């Protein structure tokens, strides 16, 4: 089978470019981002459609507009910036999610068959989480001379969904962000 080639206009190709310095920081869009321990920013590069399921959220939130949003690439890409001690609640996805550390040191944690486990990753280290695995990340050390670490997140699908783990939902109820009714409790 031969792959059909195309000859795009320059403007069409420029619409596919995301320069890091031009990306917009988004610090809202997911329920846990209101918690002090979960403050982080998304700099969304390649986007996807929002999931439709009750109690499901987009992995990068519903407000982080992607610089490249017109392609149905089958995956999304976003930078995640966070100060040390900040991260995300335990959650799962309906697709593979991968991370590569760009700056700083990051703790990548998951619920395994023997309980919670984690690894500390340094710049250019990479991890891929299979679908359905409860996972979280947290910046443990910023890059020298900087206030935040930087993580590259990549997730498969054209409309991937995230669901917060039960203990995370309990934390959101405790903080008054979720009501027991909204949480389905």
N, C-alpha and C. Protein backbone atom coordinates (compact mmCIF):
# COMPACT_ATOMS: atom_id res chain seq x y z
N UNK A 1 0.83 -1.17 0.00
CA UNK A 1 0.00 0.00 0.00
C UNK A 1 0.88 1.24 0.00
N UNK A 2 0.59 2.17 -0.84
CA UNK A 2 1.33 3.41 -0.94
C UNK A 2 0.64 4.49 -0.11
N UNK A 3 1.43 5.22 0.66
CA UNK A 3 0.88 6.35 1.43
C UNK A 3 0.71 7.52 0.49
N UNK A 4 -0.49 8.07 0.48
CA UNK A 4 -0.75 9.22 -0.37
C UNK A 4 -0.04 10.44 0.20
N UNK A 5 0.73 11.12 -0.62
CA UNK A 5 1.43 12.32 -0.16
C UNK A 5 0.59 13.55 -0.49
N UNK A 6 0.83 14.61 0.28
CA UNK A 6 0.15 15.88 0.05
C UNK A 6 1.20 16.97 -0.03
N UNK A 7 0.80 18.09 -0.56
CA UNK A 7 1.67 19.26 -0.67
C UNK A 7 0.97 20.42 0.03
N UNK A 8 1.17 20.54 1.34
CA UNK A 8 0.46 21.59 2.07
C UNK A 8 0.99 22.98 1.78
N UNK A 9 0.12 23.96 1.95
CA UNK A 9 0.56 25.36 1.87
C UNK A 9 1.38 25.66 3.13
N UNK A 10 2.25 26.64 3.05
CA UNK A 10 3.07 27.02 4.20
C UNK A 10 2.19 27.37 5.41
N UNK A 11 1.11 28.12 5.18
CA UNK A 11 0.21 28.50 6.28
C UNK A 11 -0.38 27.27 6.96
N UNK A 12 -0.68 26.23 6.20
CA UNK A 12 -1.21 24.99 6.79
C UNK A 12 -0.17 24.34 7.70
N UNK A 13 1.08 24.38 7.31
CA UNK A 13 2.13 23.80 8.14
C UNK A 13 2.40 24.67 9.37
N UNK A 14 2.33 25.99 9.22
CA UNK A 14 2.55 26.87 10.37
C UNK A 14 1.46 26.68 11.43
N UNK A 15 0.27 26.27 11.03
CA UNK A 15 -0.81 25.98 11.98
C UNK A 15 -0.49 24.73 12.80
N UNK A 16 0.51 23.98 12.40
CA UNK A 16 0.91 22.75 13.11
C UNK A 16 2.12 22.98 14.02
N UNK A 17 2.55 24.22 14.17
CA UNK A 17 3.73 24.55 14.97
C UNK A 17 3.28 25.11 16.32
N UNK A 18 3.91 24.64 17.38
CA UNK A 18 3.68 25.17 18.72
C UNK A 18 5.04 25.57 19.30
N UNK A 19 5.31 26.84 19.34
CA UNK A 19 6.55 27.32 19.93
C UNK A 19 6.35 27.46 21.44
N UNK A 20 7.26 26.87 22.21
CA UNK A 20 7.09 26.83 23.66
C UNK A 20 6.84 28.22 24.24
N UNK A 21 7.59 29.21 23.79
CA UNK A 21 7.44 30.57 24.31
C UNK A 21 6.10 31.20 24.04
N UNK A 22 5.35 30.66 23.08
CA UNK A 22 4.04 31.20 22.75
C UNK A 22 2.89 30.45 23.42
N UNK A 23 3.17 29.34 24.09
CA UNK A 23 2.11 28.56 24.71
C UNK A 23 1.51 29.31 25.89
N UNK A 24 0.20 29.19 26.06
CA UNK A 24 -0.51 29.84 27.15
C UNK A 24 -0.59 28.91 28.36
N UNK A 25 -0.24 29.41 29.54
CA UNK A 25 -0.37 28.65 30.78
C UNK A 25 -1.84 28.59 31.17
N UNK A 26 -2.29 27.41 31.59
CA UNK A 26 -3.66 27.24 32.07
C UNK A 26 -3.58 26.57 33.44
N UNK A 27 -4.08 27.26 34.45
CA UNK A 27 -3.99 26.77 35.83
C UNK A 27 -5.35 26.37 36.38
N UNK A 28 -6.34 26.19 35.51
CA UNK A 28 -7.68 25.75 35.91
C UNK A 28 -8.17 24.71 34.92
N UNK A 29 -9.33 24.13 35.23
CA UNK A 29 -9.95 23.21 34.28
C UNK A 29 -10.16 21.81 34.79
N UNK A 30 -9.48 21.44 35.89
CA UNK A 30 -9.69 20.14 36.52
C UNK A 30 -10.04 20.38 37.99
N UNK A 31 -10.94 19.58 38.54
CA UNK A 31 -11.38 19.83 39.92
C UNK A 31 -10.24 19.89 40.94
N UNK A 32 -9.25 19.02 40.83
CA UNK A 32 -8.20 18.99 41.86
C UNK A 32 -7.23 20.17 41.78
N UNK A 33 -7.25 20.92 40.67
CA UNK A 33 -6.34 22.06 40.54
C UNK A 33 -6.66 23.16 41.55
N UNK A 34 -7.82 23.07 42.21
CA UNK A 34 -8.18 24.03 43.25
C UNK A 34 -7.52 23.69 44.59
N UNK A 35 -7.03 22.48 44.75
CA UNK A 35 -6.38 22.06 45.99
C UNK A 35 -4.95 22.62 46.04
N UNK A 36 -4.50 23.08 47.21
CA UNK A 36 -3.14 23.63 47.29
C UNK A 36 -2.06 22.66 46.83
N UNK A 37 -2.23 21.37 47.13
CA UNK A 37 -1.22 20.37 46.76
C UNK A 37 -1.27 19.96 45.29
N UNK A 38 -2.27 20.45 44.57
CA UNK A 38 -2.44 20.06 43.16
C UNK A 38 -2.33 21.24 42.20
N UNK A 39 -1.76 22.33 42.66
CA UNK A 39 -1.60 23.49 41.78
C UNK A 39 -0.54 23.18 40.73
N UNK A 40 -0.93 23.36 39.50
CA UNK A 40 -0.02 23.11 38.37
C UNK A 40 -0.55 23.88 37.18
N UNK A 41 0.24 23.95 36.14
CA UNK A 41 -0.17 24.63 34.92
C UNK A 41 0.04 23.69 33.74
N UNK A 42 -0.92 23.73 32.82
CA UNK A 42 -0.78 23.03 31.55
C UNK A 42 -0.39 24.05 30.49
N UNK A 43 0.51 23.65 29.62
CA UNK A 43 0.85 24.40 28.42
C UNK A 43 0.56 23.43 27.29
N UNK A 44 -0.67 23.48 26.79
CA UNK A 44 -1.19 22.45 25.91
C UNK A 44 -0.71 22.65 24.47
N UNK A 45 -0.15 21.60 23.92
CA UNK A 45 0.45 21.64 22.59
C UNK A 45 -0.49 21.07 21.54
N UNK A 46 -0.86 19.80 21.69
CA UNK A 46 -1.67 19.09 20.70
C UNK A 46 -2.91 18.57 21.41
N UNK A 47 -4.07 18.98 20.97
CA UNK A 47 -5.29 18.70 21.71
C UNK A 47 -6.15 17.60 21.15
N UNK A 48 -7.29 17.44 21.81
CA UNK A 48 -8.27 16.42 21.47
C UNK A 48 -9.63 16.87 21.96
N UNK A 49 -10.66 16.11 21.65
CA UNK A 49 -12.02 16.42 22.07
C UNK A 49 -12.21 16.05 23.53
N UNK A 50 -13.17 16.69 24.18
CA UNK A 50 -13.50 16.40 25.57
C UNK A 50 -14.26 15.09 25.67
N UNK A 51 -14.01 14.29 26.73
CA UNK A 51 -14.77 13.05 26.92
C UNK A 51 -16.22 13.37 27.28
N UNK A 52 -17.11 12.41 27.08
CA UNK A 52 -18.53 12.65 27.29
C UNK A 52 -19.09 11.97 28.53
N UNK A 53 -18.34 11.10 29.20
CA UNK A 53 -18.86 10.30 30.31
C UNK A 53 -19.09 11.09 31.59
N UNK A 54 -20.11 10.71 32.35
CA UNK A 54 -20.39 11.30 33.65
C UNK A 54 -19.23 11.02 34.60
N UNK A 55 -18.76 12.07 35.29
CA UNK A 55 -17.65 11.91 36.22
C UNK A 55 -16.29 11.77 35.56
N UNK A 56 -16.22 12.01 34.24
CA UNK A 56 -14.95 11.91 33.52
C UNK A 56 -14.47 13.30 33.13
N UNK A 57 -13.16 13.45 33.10
CA UNK A 57 -12.55 14.73 32.79
C UNK A 57 -11.51 14.54 31.71
N UNK A 58 -11.25 15.60 30.97
CA UNK A 58 -10.16 15.57 30.00
C UNK A 58 -8.84 15.52 30.76
N UNK A 59 -7.88 14.76 30.31
CA UNK A 59 -6.59 14.67 31.02
C UNK A 59 -5.90 16.01 31.23
N UNK A 60 -6.09 16.96 30.32
CA UNK A 60 -5.45 18.26 30.45
C UNK A 60 -6.45 19.33 30.86
N UNK A 61 -7.63 18.92 31.30
CA UNK A 61 -8.65 19.87 31.71
C UNK A 61 -9.45 20.39 30.52
N UNK A 62 -10.54 21.06 30.83
CA UNK A 62 -11.40 21.54 29.76
C UNK A 62 -11.10 22.99 29.37
N UNK A 63 -10.08 23.59 29.97
CA UNK A 63 -9.77 24.98 29.66
C UNK A 63 -8.40 25.17 29.02
N UNK A 64 -7.58 24.15 29.01
CA UNK A 64 -6.24 24.25 28.43
C UNK A 64 -6.36 24.10 26.92
N UNK A 65 -6.42 25.22 26.23
CA UNK A 65 -6.59 25.19 24.78
C UNK A 65 -5.27 24.82 24.10
N UNK A 66 -5.36 23.85 23.22
CA UNK A 66 -4.17 23.37 22.52
C UNK A 66 -3.76 24.35 21.43
N UNK A 67 -2.47 24.54 21.29
CA UNK A 67 -1.96 25.39 20.20
C UNK A 67 -2.27 24.74 18.85
N UNK A 68 -2.12 23.42 18.77
CA UNK A 68 -2.46 22.69 17.55
C UNK A 68 -3.70 21.87 17.88
N UNK A 69 -4.85 22.34 17.42
CA UNK A 69 -6.11 21.69 17.81
C UNK A 69 -6.92 21.17 16.63
N UNK A 70 -6.47 21.42 15.44
CA UNK A 70 -7.26 21.04 14.26
C UNK A 70 -6.96 19.63 13.74
N UNK A 71 -5.92 18.99 14.25
CA UNK A 71 -5.56 17.65 13.79
C UNK A 71 -6.20 16.59 14.69
N UNK A 72 -6.69 15.53 14.12
CA UNK A 72 -7.13 14.36 14.89
C UNK A 72 -5.95 13.38 14.88
N UNK A 73 -4.98 13.63 15.78
CA UNK A 73 -3.72 12.90 15.77
C UNK A 73 -3.81 11.54 16.45
N UNK A 74 -4.85 11.34 17.28
CA UNK A 74 -4.94 10.09 18.02
C UNK A 74 -4.20 10.14 19.34
N UNK A 75 -3.68 11.32 19.71
CA UNK A 75 -3.02 11.52 20.99
C UNK A 75 -2.95 13.01 21.28
N UNK A 76 -2.69 13.34 22.55
CA UNK A 76 -2.53 14.73 22.95
C UNK A 76 -1.20 14.90 23.64
N UNK A 77 -0.68 16.14 23.61
CA UNK A 77 0.61 16.46 24.21
C UNK A 77 0.46 17.78 24.98
N UNK A 78 0.99 17.79 26.20
CA UNK A 78 0.96 19.01 27.00
C UNK A 78 2.18 19.03 27.92
N UNK A 79 2.71 20.23 28.12
CA UNK A 79 3.71 20.41 29.17
C UNK A 79 2.96 20.66 30.47
N UNK A 80 3.52 20.18 31.57
CA UNK A 80 2.94 20.39 32.89
C UNK A 80 4.02 21.02 33.76
N UNK A 81 3.72 22.19 34.29
CA UNK A 81 4.66 22.90 35.15
C UNK A 81 4.12 22.88 36.57
N UNK A 82 4.99 22.58 37.55
CA UNK A 82 4.57 22.57 38.94
C UNK A 82 5.77 22.85 39.84
N UNK A 83 5.47 23.52 40.94
CA UNK A 83 6.49 23.77 41.97
C UNK A 83 6.70 22.48 42.77
N UNK A 84 7.83 22.34 43.42
CA UNK A 84 8.06 21.16 44.26
C UNK A 84 6.94 20.98 45.29
N UNK A 85 6.53 19.72 45.46
CA UNK A 85 5.45 19.39 46.37
C UNK A 85 4.07 19.46 45.75
N UNK A 86 3.98 19.91 44.51
CA UNK A 86 2.69 20.03 43.81
C UNK A 86 2.58 18.94 42.74
N UNK A 87 1.35 18.47 42.52
CA UNK A 87 1.14 17.43 41.54
C UNK A 87 -0.33 17.23 41.25
N UNK A 88 -0.74 15.98 41.21
CA UNK A 88 -2.10 15.63 40.83
C UNK A 88 -2.59 14.53 41.77
N UNK A 89 -3.90 14.46 41.96
CA UNK A 89 -4.48 13.36 42.73
C UNK A 89 -4.36 12.05 41.95
N UNK A 90 -4.42 10.94 42.66
CA UNK A 90 -4.42 9.63 42.01
C UNK A 90 -5.63 9.55 41.08
N UNK A 91 -5.40 9.05 39.86
CA UNK A 91 -6.45 8.98 38.85
C UNK A 91 -6.11 7.89 37.84
N UNK A 92 -7.04 7.62 36.95
CA UNK A 92 -6.81 6.64 35.89
C UNK A 92 -7.33 7.19 34.57
N UNK A 93 -6.90 6.54 33.48
CA UNK A 93 -7.34 6.92 32.14
C UNK A 93 -7.81 5.68 31.37
N UNK A 94 -8.58 5.95 30.35
CA UNK A 94 -9.06 4.87 29.49
C UNK A 94 -8.12 4.61 28.32
N UNK A 95 -6.90 5.10 28.43
CA UNK A 95 -5.90 4.95 27.38
C UNK A 95 -4.50 5.05 28.00
N UNK A 96 -3.49 4.82 27.23
CA UNK A 96 -2.10 4.91 27.71
C UNK A 96 -1.73 6.38 27.93
N UNK A 97 -1.08 6.64 29.06
CA UNK A 97 -0.56 7.98 29.35
C UNK A 97 0.93 7.85 29.61
N UNK A 98 1.73 8.74 29.02
CA UNK A 98 3.18 8.68 29.14
C UNK A 98 3.72 10.03 29.58
N UNK A 99 4.86 10.00 30.26
CA UNK A 99 5.49 11.22 30.73
C UNK A 99 6.99 11.18 30.47
N UNK A 100 7.55 12.35 30.15
CA UNK A 100 8.99 12.52 30.06
C UNK A 100 9.34 13.77 30.85
N UNK A 101 10.29 13.63 31.76
CA UNK A 101 10.74 14.78 32.54
C UNK A 101 11.59 15.67 31.64
N UNK A 102 11.27 16.96 31.65
CA UNK A 102 12.05 17.94 30.89
C UNK A 102 12.99 18.68 31.83
N UNK A 103 12.44 19.18 32.97
CA UNK A 103 13.24 19.91 33.95
C UNK A 103 12.87 19.45 35.35
N UNK A 104 13.86 19.39 36.22
CA UNK A 104 13.63 19.03 37.62
C UNK A 104 13.59 17.53 37.83
N UNK A 105 13.08 17.14 39.01
CA UNK A 105 12.90 15.72 39.36
C UNK A 105 11.43 15.54 39.70
N UNK A 106 10.87 14.41 39.26
CA UNK A 106 9.45 14.15 39.44
C UNK A 106 9.24 12.76 40.02
N UNK A 107 8.27 12.67 40.92
CA UNK A 107 7.84 11.39 41.48
C UNK A 107 6.63 10.92 40.68
N UNK A 108 6.74 9.72 40.10
CA UNK A 108 5.63 9.10 39.38
C UNK A 108 5.20 7.91 40.21
N UNK A 109 3.96 7.93 40.65
CA UNK A 109 3.43 6.95 41.60
C UNK A 109 2.26 6.20 40.98
N UNK A 110 2.09 4.95 41.39
CA UNK A 110 0.96 4.16 40.91
C UNK A 110 0.54 3.17 41.99
N UNK A 111 -0.70 2.69 41.86
CA UNK A 111 -1.20 1.65 42.75
C UNK A 111 -0.91 0.31 42.08
N UNK A 112 -0.06 -0.46 42.74
CA UNK A 112 0.32 -1.77 42.22
C UNK A 112 -0.31 -2.88 43.03
N UNK A 113 -0.01 -4.11 42.67
CA UNK A 113 -0.60 -5.26 43.37
C UNK A 113 -0.13 -5.37 44.81
N UNK A 114 0.97 -4.70 45.17
CA UNK A 114 1.45 -4.71 46.54
C UNK A 114 1.23 -3.39 47.26
N UNK A 115 0.41 -2.50 46.68
CA UNK A 115 0.17 -1.18 47.28
C UNK A 115 0.77 -0.08 46.41
N UNK A 116 0.88 1.11 46.97
CA UNK A 116 1.42 2.24 46.23
C UNK A 116 2.92 2.07 46.01
N UNK A 117 3.34 2.36 44.80
CA UNK A 117 4.75 2.31 44.43
C UNK A 117 5.09 3.59 43.70
N UNK A 118 6.39 3.91 43.61
CA UNK A 118 6.78 5.11 42.87
C UNK A 118 8.22 5.00 42.38
N UNK A 119 8.52 5.86 41.44
CA UNK A 119 9.88 6.06 40.93
C UNK A 119 10.15 7.55 40.93
N UNK A 120 11.40 7.94 41.10
CA UNK A 120 11.83 9.32 40.91
C UNK A 120 12.51 9.38 39.55
N UNK A 121 12.00 10.27 38.70
CA UNK A 121 12.55 10.41 37.36
C UNK A 121 13.28 11.74 37.21
N UNK A 122 14.37 11.71 36.48
CA UNK A 122 15.20 12.87 36.19
C UNK A 122 15.00 13.31 34.74
N UNK A 123 15.58 14.45 34.34
CA UNK A 123 15.41 14.92 32.97
C UNK A 123 15.70 13.84 31.92
N UNK A 124 14.79 13.75 30.99
CA UNK A 124 14.77 12.84 29.84
C UNK A 124 14.39 11.41 30.21
N UNK A 125 14.11 11.13 31.49
CA UNK A 125 13.56 9.82 31.87
C UNK A 125 12.10 9.78 31.43
N UNK A 126 11.62 8.59 31.13
CA UNK A 126 10.30 8.39 30.52
C UNK A 126 9.58 7.24 31.20
N UNK A 127 8.25 7.36 31.33
CA UNK A 127 7.42 6.27 31.83
C UNK A 127 6.11 6.27 31.06
N UNK A 128 5.58 5.08 30.80
CA UNK A 128 4.27 4.93 30.15
C UNK A 128 3.38 4.12 31.09
N UNK A 129 2.19 4.64 31.40
CA UNK A 129 1.23 3.94 32.26
C UNK A 129 0.19 3.25 31.38
N UNK A 130 0.00 1.94 31.57
CA UNK A 130 -1.05 1.24 30.82
C UNK A 130 -2.43 1.77 31.22
N UNK A 131 -3.41 1.55 30.36
CA UNK A 131 -4.75 2.02 30.68
C UNK A 131 -5.27 1.32 31.92
N UNK A 132 -6.07 2.05 32.69
CA UNK A 132 -6.67 1.51 33.89
C UNK A 132 -5.82 1.54 35.14
N UNK A 133 -4.54 1.89 35.05
CA UNK A 133 -3.67 1.94 36.23
C UNK A 133 -3.88 3.28 36.94
N UNK A 134 -4.18 3.22 38.24
CA UNK A 134 -4.26 4.46 39.03
C UNK A 134 -2.85 5.02 39.14
N UNK A 135 -2.72 6.34 38.85
CA UNK A 135 -1.39 6.95 38.85
C UNK A 135 -1.48 8.40 39.27
N UNK A 136 -0.33 8.95 39.64
CA UNK A 136 -0.22 10.37 39.95
C UNK A 136 1.22 10.80 39.72
N UNK A 137 1.42 12.11 39.65
CA UNK A 137 2.77 12.66 39.55
C UNK A 137 2.90 13.85 40.48
N UNK A 138 4.14 14.14 40.86
CA UNK A 138 4.42 15.28 41.74
C UNK A 138 5.84 15.75 41.46
N UNK A 139 6.01 17.05 41.34
CA UNK A 139 7.35 17.62 41.21
C UNK A 139 8.02 17.52 42.58
N UNK A 140 9.21 16.95 42.64
CA UNK A 140 9.93 16.87 43.90
C UNK A 140 11.10 17.85 43.96
N UNK A 141 11.56 18.32 42.80
CA UNK A 141 12.66 19.28 42.79
C UNK A 141 12.62 20.06 41.48
N UNK A 142 12.67 21.38 41.59
CA UNK A 142 12.73 22.22 40.39
C UNK A 142 14.14 22.15 39.80
N UNK A 143 14.25 22.56 38.58
CA UNK A 143 15.57 22.65 37.95
C UNK A 143 16.38 23.72 38.68
N UNK A 144 17.69 23.59 38.74
CA UNK A 144 18.51 24.59 39.43
C UNK A 144 18.20 26.01 38.93
N UNK A 145 17.97 26.91 39.89
CA UNK A 145 17.69 28.30 39.56
C UNK A 145 16.26 28.58 39.11
N UNK A 146 15.40 27.58 39.13
CA UNK A 146 14.01 27.77 38.70
C UNK A 146 13.05 27.41 39.83
N UNK A 147 11.82 27.90 39.72
CA UNK A 147 10.82 27.68 40.76
C UNK A 147 9.95 26.45 40.49
N UNK A 148 9.98 25.94 39.26
CA UNK A 148 9.11 24.83 38.86
C UNK A 148 9.89 23.76 38.12
N UNK A 149 9.33 22.56 38.13
CA UNK A 149 9.78 21.50 37.25
C UNK A 149 8.90 21.51 36.01
N UNK A 150 9.31 20.82 34.97
CA UNK A 150 8.55 20.75 33.73
C UNK A 150 8.49 19.30 33.27
N UNK A 151 7.29 18.83 33.04
CA UNK A 151 7.02 17.45 32.64
C UNK A 151 6.29 17.49 31.30
N UNK A 152 6.60 16.58 30.40
CA UNK A 152 5.87 16.45 29.14
C UNK A 152 4.91 15.28 29.28
N UNK A 153 3.62 15.56 29.12
CA UNK A 153 2.60 14.52 29.18
C UNK A 153 2.06 14.21 27.80
N UNK A 154 1.89 12.92 27.51
CA UNK A 154 1.35 12.47 26.23
C UNK A 154 0.30 11.42 26.51
N UNK A 155 -0.87 11.56 25.91
CA UNK A 155 -1.93 10.59 26.18
C UNK A 155 -2.62 10.22 24.87
N UNK A 156 -2.89 8.92 24.73
CA UNK A 156 -3.51 8.42 23.51
C UNK A 156 -4.98 8.74 23.43
N UNK A 157 -5.51 8.70 22.21
CA UNK A 157 -6.93 8.87 21.97
C UNK A 157 -7.31 10.23 21.44
N UNK A 158 -8.47 10.30 20.79
CA UNK A 158 -8.99 11.57 20.30
C UNK A 158 -9.93 12.24 21.29
N UNK A 159 -10.38 11.51 22.32
CA UNK A 159 -11.22 12.06 23.39
C UNK A 159 -10.98 11.25 24.67
N UNK A 160 -9.71 11.19 25.15
CA UNK A 160 -9.41 10.37 26.32
C UNK A 160 -10.10 10.91 27.57
N UNK A 161 -10.39 10.01 28.49
CA UNK A 161 -11.07 10.39 29.73
C UNK A 161 -10.21 10.05 30.93
N UNK A 162 -10.37 10.86 31.98
CA UNK A 162 -9.72 10.63 33.27
C UNK A 162 -10.81 10.48 34.32
N UNK A 163 -10.56 9.60 35.29
CA UNK A 163 -11.44 9.46 36.44
C UNK A 163 -10.59 9.52 37.70
N UNK A 164 -11.03 10.31 38.65
CA UNK A 164 -10.31 10.49 39.90
C UNK A 164 -10.53 9.27 40.78
N UNK A 165 -9.48 8.78 41.43
CA UNK A 165 -9.56 7.63 42.32
C UNK A 165 -10.46 7.95 43.51
N UNK A 166 -11.07 6.92 44.13
CA UNK A 166 -11.98 7.15 45.26
C UNK A 166 -11.39 8.00 46.38
N UNK A 167 -10.12 7.79 46.73
CA UNK A 167 -9.52 8.60 47.79
C UNK A 167 -9.36 10.06 47.34
N UNK A 168 -9.15 10.28 46.05
CA UNK A 168 -9.09 11.65 45.52
C UNK A 168 -10.45 12.31 45.56
N UNK A 169 -11.49 11.56 45.23
CA UNK A 169 -12.86 12.09 45.30
C UNK A 169 -13.17 12.47 46.75
N UNK A 170 -12.76 11.63 47.70
CA UNK A 170 -12.98 11.94 49.12
C UNK A 170 -12.27 13.24 49.51
N UNK A 171 -11.05 13.45 48.99
CA UNK A 171 -10.31 14.69 49.27
C UNK A 171 -11.04 15.90 48.69
N UNK A 172 -11.62 15.76 47.50
CA UNK A 172 -12.36 16.86 46.88
C UNK A 172 -13.64 17.17 47.66
N UNK A 173 -14.29 16.15 48.19
CA UNK A 173 -15.48 16.36 49.03
C UNK A 173 -15.07 17.07 50.33
N UNK A 174 -13.99 16.60 50.95
CA UNK A 174 -13.48 17.21 52.18
C UNK A 174 -13.17 18.69 51.98
N UNK A 175 -12.62 19.04 50.83
CA UNK A 175 -12.26 20.44 50.54
C UNK A 175 -13.45 21.27 50.09
N UNK A 176 -14.63 20.64 49.91
CA UNK A 176 -15.81 21.37 49.47
C UNK A 176 -15.86 21.63 47.98
N UNK A 177 -14.98 20.99 47.22
CA UNK A 177 -14.96 21.16 45.77
C UNK A 177 -16.02 20.29 45.11
N UNK A 178 -16.18 19.08 45.61
CA UNK A 178 -17.25 18.16 45.18
C UNK A 178 -18.27 18.07 46.30
N UNK A 179 -19.52 17.91 45.93
CA UNK A 179 -20.54 17.53 46.89
C UNK A 179 -20.66 16.01 46.83
N UNK A 180 -21.15 15.38 47.88
CA UNK A 180 -21.35 13.93 47.81
C UNK A 180 -22.25 13.54 46.63
N UNK A 181 -23.23 14.38 46.30
CA UNK A 181 -24.11 14.08 45.17
C UNK A 181 -23.34 14.09 43.85
N UNK A 182 -22.49 15.11 43.67
CA UNK A 182 -21.70 15.19 42.43
C UNK A 182 -20.73 14.03 42.34
N UNK A 183 -20.22 13.60 43.48
CA UNK A 183 -19.25 12.51 43.50
C UNK A 183 -19.90 11.15 43.37
N UNK A 184 -21.25 11.11 43.43
CA UNK A 184 -21.95 9.84 43.33
C UNK A 184 -21.89 9.04 44.62
N UNK A 185 -21.56 9.73 45.73
CA UNK A 185 -21.45 9.03 47.02
C UNK A 185 -22.81 8.82 47.66
